[in-house]
């Protein structure tokens, strides 16, 4: 290695390399976290070769215990994990990698291997469904039809649903009011997705306002 890029990679490797020798199989646990949402995506294991490959190529590579070889996440699916930041824990025996996923992370097609965390929170599940519809571009999908019309039409639809909710609020039919509220919330989630914003982002704004 003689390029500046290679020298930088070597420097990072020496600075962040965990103590693989602590483990009988020389495999250190690695937690993968979404660099944008901070959602925990998966847990894997690296040996020294996998760690170095991850640093150099900036794509997460594990050591597959079942295949007994290096395994770059996304090597067959294309759903790579692009490295943004790497952190070492205080005991130097675990890594946290913040990455940008290029697609679903879990083999089930979910964006995280810990999707049970969203059970009971249907809004987060719905947000994920809207995101998957956008990526899949399923024929006949209402969500796809909204995205195809563009941001202006989506925003207009949110405005229309808001007006309909206000109208229903003046009456005494709770069932119609709840349905209009659901329509507004659904289209609001679509608008957030179109803007590249998630519910967690809005939640953080509300939290900041709460402490002020």
N, C-alpha and C. Protein backbone atom coordinates (compact mmCIF):
# COMPACT_ATOMS: atom_id res chain seq x y z
N UNK A 1 0.84 -1.20 0.00
CA UNK A 1 0.00 0.00 0.00
C UNK A 1 0.87 1.24 0.00
N UNK A 2 0.63 2.16 -0.95
CA UNK A 2 1.46 3.35 -0.98
C UNK A 2 0.66 4.60 -1.29
N UNK A 3 -0.62 4.50 -1.51
CA UNK A 3 -1.41 5.70 -1.76
C UNK A 3 -1.85 6.30 -0.44
N UNK A 4 -2.24 7.57 -0.48
CA UNK A 4 -2.69 8.25 0.73
C UNK A 4 -3.95 7.59 1.28
N UNK A 5 -4.82 7.13 0.37
CA UNK A 5 -6.06 6.46 0.80
C UNK A 5 -5.74 5.19 1.56
N UNK A 6 -4.78 4.42 1.06
CA UNK A 6 -4.40 3.18 1.73
C UNK A 6 -3.78 3.48 3.10
N UNK A 7 -2.99 4.54 3.17
CA UNK A 7 -2.37 4.91 4.44
C UNK A 7 -3.44 5.31 5.46
N UNK A 8 -4.45 6.03 4.98
CA UNK A 8 -5.55 6.43 5.87
C UNK A 8 -6.30 5.21 6.38
N UNK A 9 -6.53 4.24 5.50
CA UNK A 9 -7.22 3.01 5.89
C UNK A 9 -6.43 2.26 6.96
N UNK A 10 -5.10 2.17 6.77
CA UNK A 10 -4.25 1.50 7.75
C UNK A 10 -4.31 2.20 9.10
N UNK A 11 -4.37 3.52 9.07
CA UNK A 11 -4.44 4.29 10.31
C UNK A 11 -5.73 4.01 11.05
N UNK A 12 -6.84 3.95 10.31
CA UNK A 12 -8.14 3.67 10.91
C UNK A 12 -8.17 2.26 11.47
N UNK A 13 -7.61 1.32 10.73
CA UNK A 13 -7.57 -0.08 11.18
C UNK A 13 -6.84 -0.19 12.52
N UNK A 14 -5.70 0.45 12.64
CA UNK A 14 -4.93 0.38 13.87
C UNK A 14 -5.65 1.09 15.02
N UNK A 15 -6.35 2.15 14.71
CA UNK A 15 -7.01 2.95 15.73
C UNK A 15 -8.25 2.26 16.29
N UNK A 16 -9.01 1.56 15.42
CA UNK A 16 -10.31 1.02 15.81
C UNK A 16 -10.35 -0.49 15.96
N UNK A 17 -9.27 -1.18 15.62
CA UNK A 17 -9.28 -2.64 15.66
C UNK A 17 -9.57 -3.16 17.06
N UNK A 18 -10.59 -3.99 17.21
CA UNK A 18 -10.88 -4.55 18.54
C UNK A 18 -9.90 -5.65 18.89
N UNK A 19 -9.96 -6.11 20.13
CA UNK A 19 -9.06 -7.15 20.60
C UNK A 19 -9.64 -8.52 20.24
N UNK A 20 -9.42 -8.95 19.01
CA UNK A 20 -9.97 -10.23 18.55
C UNK A 20 -9.44 -11.40 19.38
N UNK A 21 -8.24 -11.22 19.93
CA UNK A 21 -7.62 -12.30 20.69
C UNK A 21 -8.38 -12.62 21.98
N UNK A 22 -9.32 -11.77 22.37
CA UNK A 22 -10.12 -12.03 23.57
C UNK A 22 -11.08 -13.20 23.37
N UNK A 23 -11.37 -13.51 22.10
CA UNK A 23 -12.38 -14.52 21.80
C UNK A 23 -11.72 -15.81 21.31
N UNK A 24 -12.17 -16.96 21.80
CA UNK A 24 -11.58 -18.24 21.38
C UNK A 24 -11.61 -18.45 19.87
N UNK A 25 -12.71 -17.97 19.23
CA UNK A 25 -12.82 -18.14 17.77
C UNK A 25 -12.31 -16.93 17.00
N UNK A 26 -11.76 -15.96 17.74
CA UNK A 26 -11.20 -14.72 17.14
C UNK A 26 -12.27 -13.90 16.41
N UNK A 27 -13.52 -14.04 16.83
CA UNK A 27 -14.63 -13.30 16.22
C UNK A 27 -15.22 -12.31 17.22
N UNK A 28 -15.21 -11.03 16.86
CA UNK A 28 -15.76 -9.99 17.73
C UNK A 28 -17.17 -9.63 17.27
N UNK A 29 -18.11 -9.41 18.23
CA UNK A 29 -19.47 -9.01 17.87
C UNK A 29 -19.51 -7.59 17.33
N UNK A 30 -20.39 -7.37 16.35
CA UNK A 30 -20.52 -6.07 15.71
C UNK A 30 -21.99 -5.70 15.62
N UNK A 31 -22.35 -4.58 16.20
CA UNK A 31 -23.72 -4.08 16.13
C UNK A 31 -23.81 -3.09 14.97
N UNK A 32 -24.82 -3.28 14.12
CA UNK A 32 -25.03 -2.37 12.98
C UNK A 32 -26.23 -1.48 13.28
N UNK A 33 -26.02 -0.18 13.14
CA UNK A 33 -27.06 0.80 13.42
C UNK A 33 -27.27 1.69 12.20
N UNK A 34 -28.51 2.02 11.91
CA UNK A 34 -28.81 2.91 10.80
C UNK A 34 -28.26 4.30 11.12
N UNK A 35 -27.43 4.82 10.23
CA UNK A 35 -26.77 6.11 10.48
C UNK A 35 -27.76 7.27 10.47
N UNK A 36 -28.91 7.09 9.83
CA UNK A 36 -29.90 8.16 9.75
C UNK A 36 -30.93 8.09 10.86
N UNK A 37 -31.49 6.89 11.08
CA UNK A 37 -32.58 6.74 12.04
C UNK A 37 -32.12 6.27 13.42
N UNK A 38 -30.87 5.79 13.51
CA UNK A 38 -30.32 5.21 14.74
C UNK A 38 -30.99 3.89 15.12
N UNK A 39 -31.77 3.32 14.22
CA UNK A 39 -32.41 2.04 14.48
C UNK A 39 -31.36 0.93 14.43
N UNK A 40 -31.39 0.03 15.40
CA UNK A 40 -30.48 -1.11 15.38
C UNK A 40 -30.93 -2.07 14.28
N UNK A 41 -30.02 -2.41 13.37
CA UNK A 41 -30.37 -3.19 12.19
C UNK A 41 -30.07 -4.68 12.35
N UNK A 42 -28.90 -5.00 12.89
CA UNK A 42 -28.52 -6.41 12.99
C UNK A 42 -27.28 -6.56 13.86
N UNK A 43 -26.98 -7.82 14.17
CA UNK A 43 -25.76 -8.16 14.88
C UNK A 43 -25.00 -9.17 14.04
N UNK A 44 -23.70 -8.97 13.90
CA UNK A 44 -22.87 -9.91 13.15
C UNK A 44 -21.53 -10.08 13.85
N UNK A 45 -20.64 -10.84 13.22
CA UNK A 45 -19.33 -11.09 13.80
C UNK A 45 -18.24 -10.85 12.75
N UNK A 46 -17.14 -10.31 13.20
CA UNK A 46 -16.01 -10.05 12.32
C UNK A 46 -14.76 -10.69 12.87
N UNK A 47 -13.93 -11.22 11.97
CA UNK A 47 -12.55 -11.54 12.34
C UNK A 47 -11.69 -10.38 11.82
N UNK A 48 -10.40 -10.48 12.00
CA UNK A 48 -9.54 -9.36 11.61
C UNK A 48 -9.62 -9.07 10.12
N UNK A 49 -9.70 -10.13 9.31
CA UNK A 49 -9.77 -9.93 7.86
C UNK A 49 -11.06 -9.23 7.45
N UNK A 50 -12.17 -9.60 8.07
CA UNK A 50 -13.45 -8.96 7.77
C UNK A 50 -13.44 -7.50 8.17
N UNK A 51 -12.81 -7.23 9.31
CA UNK A 51 -12.72 -5.86 9.80
C UNK A 51 -11.90 -5.00 8.84
N UNK A 52 -10.77 -5.51 8.41
CA UNK A 52 -9.92 -4.75 7.49
C UNK A 52 -10.62 -4.52 6.15
N UNK A 53 -11.32 -5.52 5.67
CA UNK A 53 -12.04 -5.39 4.39
C UNK A 53 -13.14 -4.33 4.52
N UNK A 54 -13.80 -4.32 5.67
CA UNK A 54 -14.85 -3.33 5.93
C UNK A 54 -14.28 -1.91 5.90
N UNK A 55 -13.13 -1.73 6.53
CA UNK A 55 -12.50 -0.40 6.57
C UNK A 55 -12.08 0.05 5.17
N UNK A 56 -11.45 -0.84 4.44
CA UNK A 56 -10.90 -0.49 3.13
C UNK A 56 -11.98 -0.23 2.10
N UNK A 57 -13.01 -1.10 2.07
CA UNK A 57 -14.05 -1.00 1.04
C UNK A 57 -15.23 -0.14 1.48
N UNK A 58 -15.30 0.17 2.79
CA UNK A 58 -16.38 0.99 3.35
C UNK A 58 -17.75 0.34 3.14
N UNK A 59 -17.75 -0.98 3.07
CA UNK A 59 -18.98 -1.77 3.05
C UNK A 59 -18.84 -2.86 4.11
N UNK A 60 -19.87 -3.05 4.92
CA UNK A 60 -19.76 -3.98 6.04
C UNK A 60 -19.55 -5.41 5.55
N UNK A 61 -18.49 -6.04 6.05
CA UNK A 61 -18.18 -7.44 5.76
C UNK A 61 -18.07 -8.20 7.08
N UNK A 62 -18.77 -9.32 7.16
CA UNK A 62 -18.73 -10.16 8.35
C UNK A 62 -17.94 -11.43 8.05
N UNK A 63 -17.71 -12.20 9.12
CA UNK A 63 -17.25 -13.57 8.93
C UNK A 63 -18.45 -14.45 9.20
N UNK A 64 -18.86 -15.19 8.18
CA UNK A 64 -20.02 -16.07 8.31
C UNK A 64 -19.63 -17.35 9.04
N UNK A 65 -20.22 -17.57 10.21
CA UNK A 65 -19.91 -18.77 10.97
C UNK A 65 -20.51 -20.01 10.32
N UNK A 66 -21.61 -19.84 9.59
CA UNK A 66 -22.22 -21.00 8.93
C UNK A 66 -21.47 -21.37 7.65
N UNK A 67 -21.01 -20.35 6.90
CA UNK A 67 -20.29 -20.60 5.65
C UNK A 67 -18.78 -20.69 5.85
N UNK A 68 -18.34 -20.26 7.02
CA UNK A 68 -16.91 -20.27 7.35
C UNK A 68 -16.08 -19.51 6.31
N UNK A 69 -16.55 -18.31 6.00
CA UNK A 69 -15.82 -17.45 5.06
C UNK A 69 -16.24 -16.00 5.28
N UNK A 70 -15.50 -15.08 4.66
CA UNK A 70 -15.90 -13.68 4.69
C UNK A 70 -17.18 -13.50 3.90
N UNK A 71 -18.05 -12.65 4.41
CA UNK A 71 -19.35 -12.43 3.78
C UNK A 71 -19.68 -10.95 3.82
N UNK A 72 -19.68 -10.31 2.66
CA UNK A 72 -20.05 -8.90 2.58
C UNK A 72 -21.56 -8.80 2.50
N UNK A 73 -22.16 -8.11 3.46
CA UNK A 73 -23.62 -7.97 3.49
C UNK A 73 -24.07 -7.31 2.19
N UNK A 74 -24.95 -8.02 1.45
CA UNK A 74 -25.46 -7.49 0.19
C UNK A 74 -24.75 -8.02 -1.03
N UNK A 75 -23.81 -8.95 -0.84
CA UNK A 75 -23.03 -9.44 -1.98
C UNK A 75 -23.89 -10.16 -3.02
N UNK A 76 -25.03 -10.70 -2.59
CA UNK A 76 -25.94 -11.34 -3.56
C UNK A 76 -27.19 -10.51 -3.80
N UNK A 77 -27.67 -9.82 -2.78
CA UNK A 77 -28.91 -9.04 -2.91
C UNK A 77 -28.68 -7.62 -3.41
N UNK A 78 -27.48 -7.11 -3.21
CA UNK A 78 -27.20 -5.71 -3.55
C UNK A 78 -27.55 -4.76 -2.41
N UNK A 79 -28.07 -5.31 -1.31
CA UNK A 79 -28.45 -4.48 -0.16
C UNK A 79 -27.24 -4.28 0.76
N UNK A 80 -26.27 -3.55 0.26
CA UNK A 80 -25.04 -3.32 1.02
C UNK A 80 -25.29 -2.41 2.22
N UNK A 81 -24.38 -2.48 3.17
CA UNK A 81 -24.37 -1.57 4.31
C UNK A 81 -23.13 -0.68 4.17
N UNK A 82 -23.35 0.57 3.79
CA UNK A 82 -22.24 1.48 3.54
C UNK A 82 -21.83 2.16 4.85
N UNK A 83 -20.57 2.00 5.21
CA UNK A 83 -20.07 2.45 6.50
C UNK A 83 -19.99 3.98 6.57
N UNK A 84 -20.55 4.52 7.65
CA UNK A 84 -20.46 5.95 7.90
C UNK A 84 -19.55 6.27 9.09
N UNK A 85 -19.71 5.49 10.16
CA UNK A 85 -18.88 5.68 11.35
C UNK A 85 -18.67 4.34 12.04
N UNK A 86 -17.53 4.20 12.72
CA UNK A 86 -17.23 3.00 13.48
C UNK A 86 -16.79 3.41 14.89
N UNK A 87 -17.36 2.75 15.89
CA UNK A 87 -17.01 3.04 17.27
C UNK A 87 -16.61 1.75 17.98
N UNK A 88 -15.66 1.86 18.88
CA UNK A 88 -15.20 0.73 19.67
C UNK A 88 -15.68 0.92 21.10
N UNK A 89 -16.12 -0.16 21.75
CA UNK A 89 -16.60 0.00 23.12
C UNK A 89 -15.44 0.15 24.11
N UNK A 90 -15.79 0.42 25.37
CA UNK A 90 -14.77 0.73 26.37
C UNK A 90 -13.86 -0.45 26.68
N UNK A 91 -14.34 -1.68 26.46
CA UNK A 91 -13.53 -2.87 26.73
C UNK A 91 -12.78 -3.36 25.51
N UNK A 92 -12.96 -2.66 24.41
CA UNK A 92 -12.26 -3.00 23.17
C UNK A 92 -12.59 -4.42 22.68
N UNK A 93 -13.84 -4.86 22.92
CA UNK A 93 -14.21 -6.20 22.45
C UNK A 93 -15.55 -6.21 21.72
N UNK A 94 -16.00 -5.04 21.28
CA UNK A 94 -17.26 -4.96 20.52
C UNK A 94 -17.21 -3.70 19.66
N UNK A 95 -17.81 -3.77 18.48
CA UNK A 95 -17.86 -2.63 17.57
C UNK A 95 -19.29 -2.19 17.34
N UNK A 96 -19.48 -0.90 17.17
CA UNK A 96 -20.75 -0.33 16.73
C UNK A 96 -20.48 0.35 15.40
N UNK A 97 -21.16 -0.08 14.35
CA UNK A 97 -20.99 0.53 13.04
C UNK A 97 -22.29 1.21 12.63
N UNK A 98 -22.18 2.50 12.37
CA UNK A 98 -23.31 3.24 11.82
C UNK A 98 -23.19 3.18 10.30
N UNK A 99 -24.23 2.68 9.66
CA UNK A 99 -24.17 2.44 8.23
C UNK A 99 -25.41 2.95 7.52
N UNK A 100 -25.27 3.17 6.24
CA UNK A 100 -26.39 3.54 5.39
C UNK A 100 -26.82 2.32 4.60
N UNK A 101 -27.97 1.71 4.92
CA UNK A 101 -28.40 0.51 4.20
C UNK A 101 -28.90 0.84 2.81
N UNK A 102 -28.55 -0.02 1.84
CA UNK A 102 -28.99 0.19 0.45
C UNK A 102 -30.30 -0.52 0.18
N UNK A 103 -30.87 -1.15 1.19
CA UNK A 103 -32.12 -1.88 1.03
C UNK A 103 -32.44 -2.61 2.31
N UNK A 104 -33.44 -3.50 2.28
CA UNK A 104 -33.78 -4.28 3.48
C UNK A 104 -32.56 -5.00 4.04
N UNK A 105 -32.45 -5.05 5.35
CA UNK A 105 -31.30 -5.68 6.00
C UNK A 105 -31.57 -7.13 6.35
N UNK A 106 -32.77 -7.41 6.82
CA UNK A 106 -33.11 -8.77 7.27
C UNK A 106 -33.43 -9.68 6.08
N UNK A 107 -33.15 -10.98 6.24
CA UNK A 107 -33.45 -11.94 5.17
C UNK A 107 -34.96 -12.08 4.94
N UNK A 108 -35.76 -11.59 5.90
CA UNK A 108 -37.22 -11.64 5.76
C UNK A 108 -37.74 -10.53 4.86
N UNK A 109 -36.86 -9.60 4.51
CA UNK A 109 -37.27 -8.45 3.70
C UNK A 109 -37.53 -7.21 4.54
N UNK A 110 -37.42 -7.35 5.86
CA UNK A 110 -37.62 -6.21 6.76
C UNK A 110 -36.37 -5.34 6.79
N UNK A 111 -36.53 -4.10 7.23
CA UNK A 111 -35.40 -3.18 7.25
C UNK A 111 -34.49 -3.42 8.44
N UNK A 112 -34.92 -4.24 9.38
CA UNK A 112 -34.10 -4.57 10.54
C UNK A 112 -34.40 -5.98 11.00
N UNK A 113 -33.42 -6.62 11.60
CA UNK A 113 -33.62 -7.97 12.14
C UNK A 113 -34.32 -7.92 13.50
N UNK A 114 -34.60 -6.72 13.99
CA UNK A 114 -35.25 -6.57 15.29
C UNK A 114 -36.62 -5.92 15.14
N UNK A 115 -37.36 -6.33 14.13
CA UNK A 115 -38.65 -5.71 13.84
C UNK A 115 -39.68 -5.89 14.93
N UNK A 116 -39.43 -6.83 15.84
CA UNK A 116 -40.38 -7.00 16.92
C UNK A 116 -40.48 -5.74 17.77
N UNK A 117 -39.46 -4.87 17.67
CA UNK A 117 -39.52 -3.63 18.43
C UNK A 117 -40.67 -2.75 17.99
N UNK A 118 -41.15 -2.95 16.75
CA UNK A 118 -42.22 -2.13 16.24
C UNK A 118 -43.60 -2.74 16.46
N UNK A 119 -43.62 -3.97 17.02
CA UNK A 119 -44.91 -4.58 17.29
C UNK A 119 -45.62 -3.74 18.34
N UNK A 120 -46.88 -3.47 18.11
CA UNK A 120 -47.64 -2.63 19.02
C UNK A 120 -47.58 -1.17 18.61
N UNK A 121 -46.71 -0.81 17.71
CA UNK A 121 -46.64 0.56 17.20
C UNK A 121 -46.96 0.52 15.72
N UNK A 122 -48.23 0.56 15.42
CA UNK A 122 -48.66 0.37 14.03
C UNK A 122 -48.22 1.53 13.15
N UNK A 123 -48.06 2.72 13.70
CA UNK A 123 -47.62 3.85 12.88
C UNK A 123 -46.24 3.60 12.30
N UNK A 124 -45.33 3.02 13.11
CA UNK A 124 -44.00 2.70 12.61
C UNK A 124 -44.07 1.59 11.57
N UNK A 125 -44.95 0.61 11.80
CA UNK A 125 -45.13 -0.45 10.83
C UNK A 125 -45.68 0.12 9.52
N UNK A 126 -46.65 1.03 9.64
CA UNK A 126 -47.24 1.64 8.45
C UNK A 126 -46.21 2.46 7.69
N UNK A 127 -45.35 3.14 8.43
CA UNK A 127 -44.28 3.92 7.81
C UNK A 127 -43.37 3.01 6.99
N UNK A 128 -43.06 1.83 7.54
CA UNK A 128 -42.21 0.88 6.83
C UNK A 128 -42.92 0.32 5.60
N UNK A 129 -44.22 0.10 5.71
CA UNK A 129 -44.99 -0.40 4.56
C UNK A 129 -44.98 0.62 3.43
N UNK A 130 -45.16 1.90 3.79
CA UNK A 130 -45.15 2.97 2.78
C UNK A 130 -43.79 3.02 2.09
N UNK A 131 -42.71 2.87 2.87
CA UNK A 131 -41.36 2.88 2.31
C UNK A 131 -41.15 1.70 1.37
N UNK A 132 -41.64 0.52 1.76
CA UNK A 132 -41.47 -0.66 0.92
C UNK A 132 -42.28 -0.54 -0.38
N UNK A 133 -43.47 0.04 -0.28
CA UNK A 133 -44.28 0.24 -1.49
C UNK A 133 -43.57 1.17 -2.46
N UNK A 134 -42.94 2.19 -1.92
CA UNK A 134 -42.22 3.16 -2.74
C UNK A 134 -41.08 2.49 -3.48
N UNK A 135 -40.37 1.57 -2.79
CA UNK A 135 -39.23 0.89 -3.40
C UNK A 135 -39.67 -0.17 -4.40
N UNK A 136 -40.72 -0.90 -4.07
CA UNK A 136 -41.15 -2.02 -4.90
C UNK A 136 -41.86 -1.56 -6.18
N UNK A 137 -42.53 -0.40 -6.10
CA UNK A 137 -43.31 0.12 -7.22
C UNK A 137 -44.29 -0.94 -7.73
N UNK A 138 -45.10 -1.44 -6.80
CA UNK A 138 -46.07 -2.47 -7.09
C UNK A 138 -47.21 -1.93 -7.94
N UNK A 139 -47.52 -2.62 -9.02
CA UNK A 139 -48.59 -2.18 -9.93
C UNK A 139 -49.93 -2.19 -9.20
N UNK A 140 -50.68 -1.11 -9.38
CA UNK A 140 -51.98 -1.00 -8.74
C UNK A 140 -51.93 -0.47 -7.33
N UNK A 141 -50.74 -0.18 -6.81
CA UNK A 141 -50.61 0.32 -5.45
C UNK A 141 -51.02 1.78 -5.37
N UNK A 142 -51.89 2.08 -4.42
CA UNK A 142 -52.34 3.46 -4.23
C UNK A 142 -51.16 4.34 -3.80
N UNK A 143 -50.31 3.80 -2.93
CA UNK A 143 -49.14 4.56 -2.46
C UNK A 143 -48.23 4.90 -3.64
N UNK A 144 -48.00 3.93 -4.53
CA UNK A 144 -47.17 4.19 -5.71
C UNK A 144 -47.77 5.28 -6.59
N UNK A 145 -49.10 5.25 -6.72
CA UNK A 145 -49.76 6.26 -7.55
C UNK A 145 -49.57 7.65 -6.98
N UNK A 146 -49.54 7.76 -5.65
CA UNK A 146 -49.30 9.05 -5.02
C UNK A 146 -47.88 9.54 -5.30
N UNK A 147 -46.90 8.65 -5.14
CA UNK A 147 -45.51 9.04 -5.38
C UNK A 147 -45.28 9.41 -6.85
N UNK A 148 -45.96 8.72 -7.75
CA UNK A 148 -45.80 9.02 -9.17
C UNK A 148 -46.32 10.41 -9.53
N UNK A 149 -47.29 10.90 -8.76
CA UNK A 149 -47.86 12.23 -9.03
C UNK A 149 -46.97 13.36 -8.55
N UNK A 150 -46.03 13.04 -7.67
CA UNK A 150 -45.07 14.04 -7.23
C UNK A 150 -45.45 14.73 -5.93
N UNK A 151 -44.48 15.46 -5.41
CA UNK A 151 -44.62 16.07 -4.09
C UNK A 151 -45.76 17.08 -4.02
N UNK A 152 -45.98 17.84 -5.07
CA UNK A 152 -47.05 18.85 -5.03
C UNK A 152 -48.43 18.21 -4.87
N UNK A 153 -48.66 17.12 -5.59
CA UNK A 153 -49.95 16.44 -5.51
C UNK A 153 -50.13 15.78 -4.14
N UNK A 154 -49.03 15.24 -3.61
CA UNK A 154 -49.11 14.61 -2.29
C UNK A 154 -49.45 15.66 -1.23
N UNK A 155 -48.79 16.81 -1.30
CA UNK A 155 -49.06 17.89 -0.35
C UNK A 155 -50.50 18.39 -0.50
N UNK A 156 -50.96 18.47 -1.75
CA UNK A 156 -52.33 18.90 -2.00
C UNK A 156 -53.32 17.92 -1.37
N UNK A 157 -53.01 16.64 -1.47
CA UNK A 157 -53.89 15.61 -0.91
C UNK A 157 -53.95 15.73 0.60
N UNK A 158 -52.83 16.02 1.24
CA UNK A 158 -52.81 16.23 2.68
C UNK A 158 -53.71 17.41 3.06
N UNK A 159 -53.62 18.47 2.27
CA UNK A 159 -54.47 19.64 2.52
C UNK A 159 -55.94 19.32 2.39
N UNK A 160 -56.29 18.55 1.37
CA UNK A 160 -57.69 18.15 1.17
C UNK A 160 -58.20 17.32 2.34
N UNK A 161 -57.36 16.37 2.80
CA UNK A 161 -57.77 15.52 3.92
C UNK A 161 -57.90 16.33 5.20
N UNK A 162 -57.06 17.35 5.38
CA UNK A 162 -57.15 18.21 6.57
C UNK A 162 -58.45 18.99 6.58
N UNK A 163 -58.85 19.50 5.41
CA UNK A 163 -60.11 20.23 5.31
C UNK A 163 -61.28 19.32 5.63
N UNK A 164 -61.26 18.09 5.09
CA UNK A 164 -62.35 17.15 5.34
C UNK A 164 -62.44 16.79 6.82
N UNK A 165 -61.29 16.72 7.49
CA UNK A 165 -61.28 16.44 8.92
C UNK A 165 -61.91 17.59 9.71
N UNK A 166 -61.58 18.81 9.31
CA UNK A 166 -62.14 19.99 9.98
C UNK A 166 -63.66 20.01 9.82
N UNK A 167 -64.13 19.68 8.64
CA UNK A 167 -65.58 19.66 8.38
C UNK A 167 -66.27 18.63 9.26
N UNK A 168 -65.67 17.44 9.35
CA UNK A 168 -66.27 16.38 10.17
C UNK A 168 -66.21 16.72 11.66
N UNK A 169 -65.23 17.53 12.05
CA UNK A 169 -65.10 17.91 13.45
C UNK A 169 -66.28 18.76 13.91
N UNK A 170 -66.95 19.43 12.99
CA UNK A 170 -68.08 20.29 13.32
C UNK A 170 -69.37 19.49 13.54
N UNK A 171 -69.37 18.21 13.12
CA UNK A 171 -70.54 17.35 13.30
C UNK A 171 -70.36 16.43 14.50
N UNK A 172 -71.31 15.57 14.71
CA UNK A 172 -71.28 14.69 15.88
C UNK A 172 -71.12 13.22 15.53
N UNK A 173 -70.65 12.95 14.31
CA UNK A 173 -70.45 11.57 13.89
C UNK A 173 -69.00 11.17 14.17
N UNK A 174 -68.77 10.53 15.30
CA UNK A 174 -67.41 10.18 15.69
C UNK A 174 -66.77 9.20 14.72
N UNK A 175 -67.56 8.30 14.16
CA UNK A 175 -67.01 7.31 13.23
C UNK A 175 -66.45 7.97 11.98
N UNK A 176 -67.20 8.91 11.41
CA UNK A 176 -66.72 9.63 10.23
C UNK A 176 -65.50 10.48 10.57
N UNK A 177 -65.53 11.08 11.75
CA UNK A 177 -64.38 11.90 12.18
C UNK A 177 -63.12 11.05 12.29
N UNK A 178 -63.23 9.87 12.90
CA UNK A 178 -62.07 8.99 13.06
C UNK A 178 -61.54 8.53 11.70
N UNK A 179 -62.43 8.26 10.77
CA UNK A 179 -62.00 7.83 9.44
C UNK A 179 -61.28 8.94 8.70
N UNK A 180 -61.78 10.17 8.83
CA UNK A 180 -61.11 11.31 8.20
C UNK A 180 -59.75 11.57 8.86
N UNK A 181 -59.70 11.37 10.19
CA UNK A 181 -58.42 11.54 10.90
C UNK A 181 -57.41 10.50 10.43
N UNK A 182 -57.88 9.27 10.21
CA UNK A 182 -56.99 8.21 9.72
C UNK A 182 -56.49 8.53 8.32
N UNK A 183 -57.38 9.05 7.46
CA UNK A 183 -56.98 9.43 6.10
C UNK A 183 -55.90 10.51 6.12
N UNK A 184 -56.09 11.49 6.99
CA UNK A 184 -55.11 12.58 7.09
C UNK A 184 -53.77 12.06 7.58
N UNK A 185 -53.81 11.21 8.60
CA UNK A 185 -52.57 10.68 9.15
C UNK A 185 -51.82 9.82 8.13
N UNK A 186 -52.55 9.02 7.39
CA UNK A 186 -51.93 8.18 6.37
C UNK A 186 -51.24 9.03 5.31
N UNK A 187 -51.93 10.03 4.79
CA UNK A 187 -51.35 10.85 3.73
C UNK A 187 -50.22 11.73 4.27
N UNK A 188 -50.29 12.07 5.56
CA UNK A 188 -49.20 12.79 6.21
C UNK A 188 -47.93 11.94 6.23
N UNK A 189 -48.09 10.65 6.51
CA UNK A 189 -46.94 9.74 6.50
C UNK A 189 -46.34 9.62 5.10
N UNK A 190 -47.19 9.61 4.09
CA UNK A 190 -46.71 9.56 2.71
C UNK A 190 -45.93 10.83 2.38
N UNK A 191 -46.44 11.97 2.83
CA UNK A 191 -45.75 13.24 2.58
C UNK A 191 -44.40 13.28 3.28
N UNK A 192 -44.35 12.79 4.52
CA UNK A 192 -43.07 12.73 5.22
C UNK A 192 -42.07 11.89 4.44
N UNK A 193 -42.51 10.73 3.96
CA UNK A 193 -41.64 9.84 3.21
C UNK A 193 -41.15 10.52 1.93
N UNK A 194 -42.04 11.23 1.26
CA UNK A 194 -41.67 11.93 0.02
C UNK A 194 -40.61 13.00 0.28
N UNK A 195 -40.62 13.55 1.48
CA UNK A 195 -39.64 14.57 1.86
C UNK A 195 -38.38 13.96 2.46
N UNK A 196 -38.36 12.63 2.60
CA UNK A 196 -37.19 11.98 3.18
C UNK A 196 -37.10 12.15 4.68
N UNK A 197 -38.24 12.33 5.32
CA UNK A 197 -38.31 12.55 6.76
C UNK A 197 -39.11 11.42 7.40
N UNK A 198 -38.70 11.01 8.61
CA UNK A 198 -39.38 9.94 9.31
C UNK A 198 -40.09 10.45 10.55
N UNK A 199 -41.00 9.64 11.06
CA UNK A 199 -41.73 10.00 12.28
C UNK A 199 -40.77 10.29 13.43
N UNK A 200 -39.68 9.52 13.50
CA UNK A 200 -38.70 9.74 14.57
C UNK A 200 -38.14 11.15 14.54
N UNK A 201 -38.00 11.71 13.33
CA UNK A 201 -37.48 13.07 13.20
C UNK A 201 -38.46 14.08 13.80
N UNK A 202 -39.76 13.86 13.53
CA UNK A 202 -40.79 14.75 14.07
C UNK A 202 -40.89 14.59 15.59
N UNK A 203 -40.73 13.35 16.04
CA UNK A 203 -40.74 13.08 17.48
C UNK A 203 -39.63 13.84 18.18
N UNK A 204 -38.44 13.89 17.56
CA UNK A 204 -37.32 14.60 18.16
C UNK A 204 -37.61 16.09 18.27
N UNK A 205 -38.27 16.66 17.25
CA UNK A 205 -38.64 18.08 17.30
C UNK A 205 -39.57 18.34 18.47
N UNK A 206 -40.56 17.45 18.64
CA UNK A 206 -41.52 17.61 19.74
C UNK A 206 -40.82 17.48 21.10
N UNK A 207 -39.87 16.55 21.19
CA UNK A 207 -39.12 16.39 22.44
C UNK A 207 -38.32 17.64 22.77
N UNK A 208 -37.70 18.23 21.75
CA UNK A 208 -36.91 19.44 21.97
C UNK A 208 -37.80 20.59 22.42
N UNK A 209 -39.00 20.67 21.83
CA UNK A 209 -39.93 21.73 22.24
C UNK A 209 -40.39 21.52 23.69
N UNK A 210 -40.54 20.26 24.06
CA UNK A 210 -41.05 19.93 25.39
C UNK A 210 -40.10 20.37 26.49
N UNK A 211 -38.81 20.31 26.23
CA UNK A 211 -37.82 20.64 27.26
C UNK A 211 -37.49 22.12 27.28
N UNK A 212 -37.97 22.86 26.31
CA UNK A 212 -37.66 24.29 26.24
C UNK A 212 -38.54 25.08 27.22
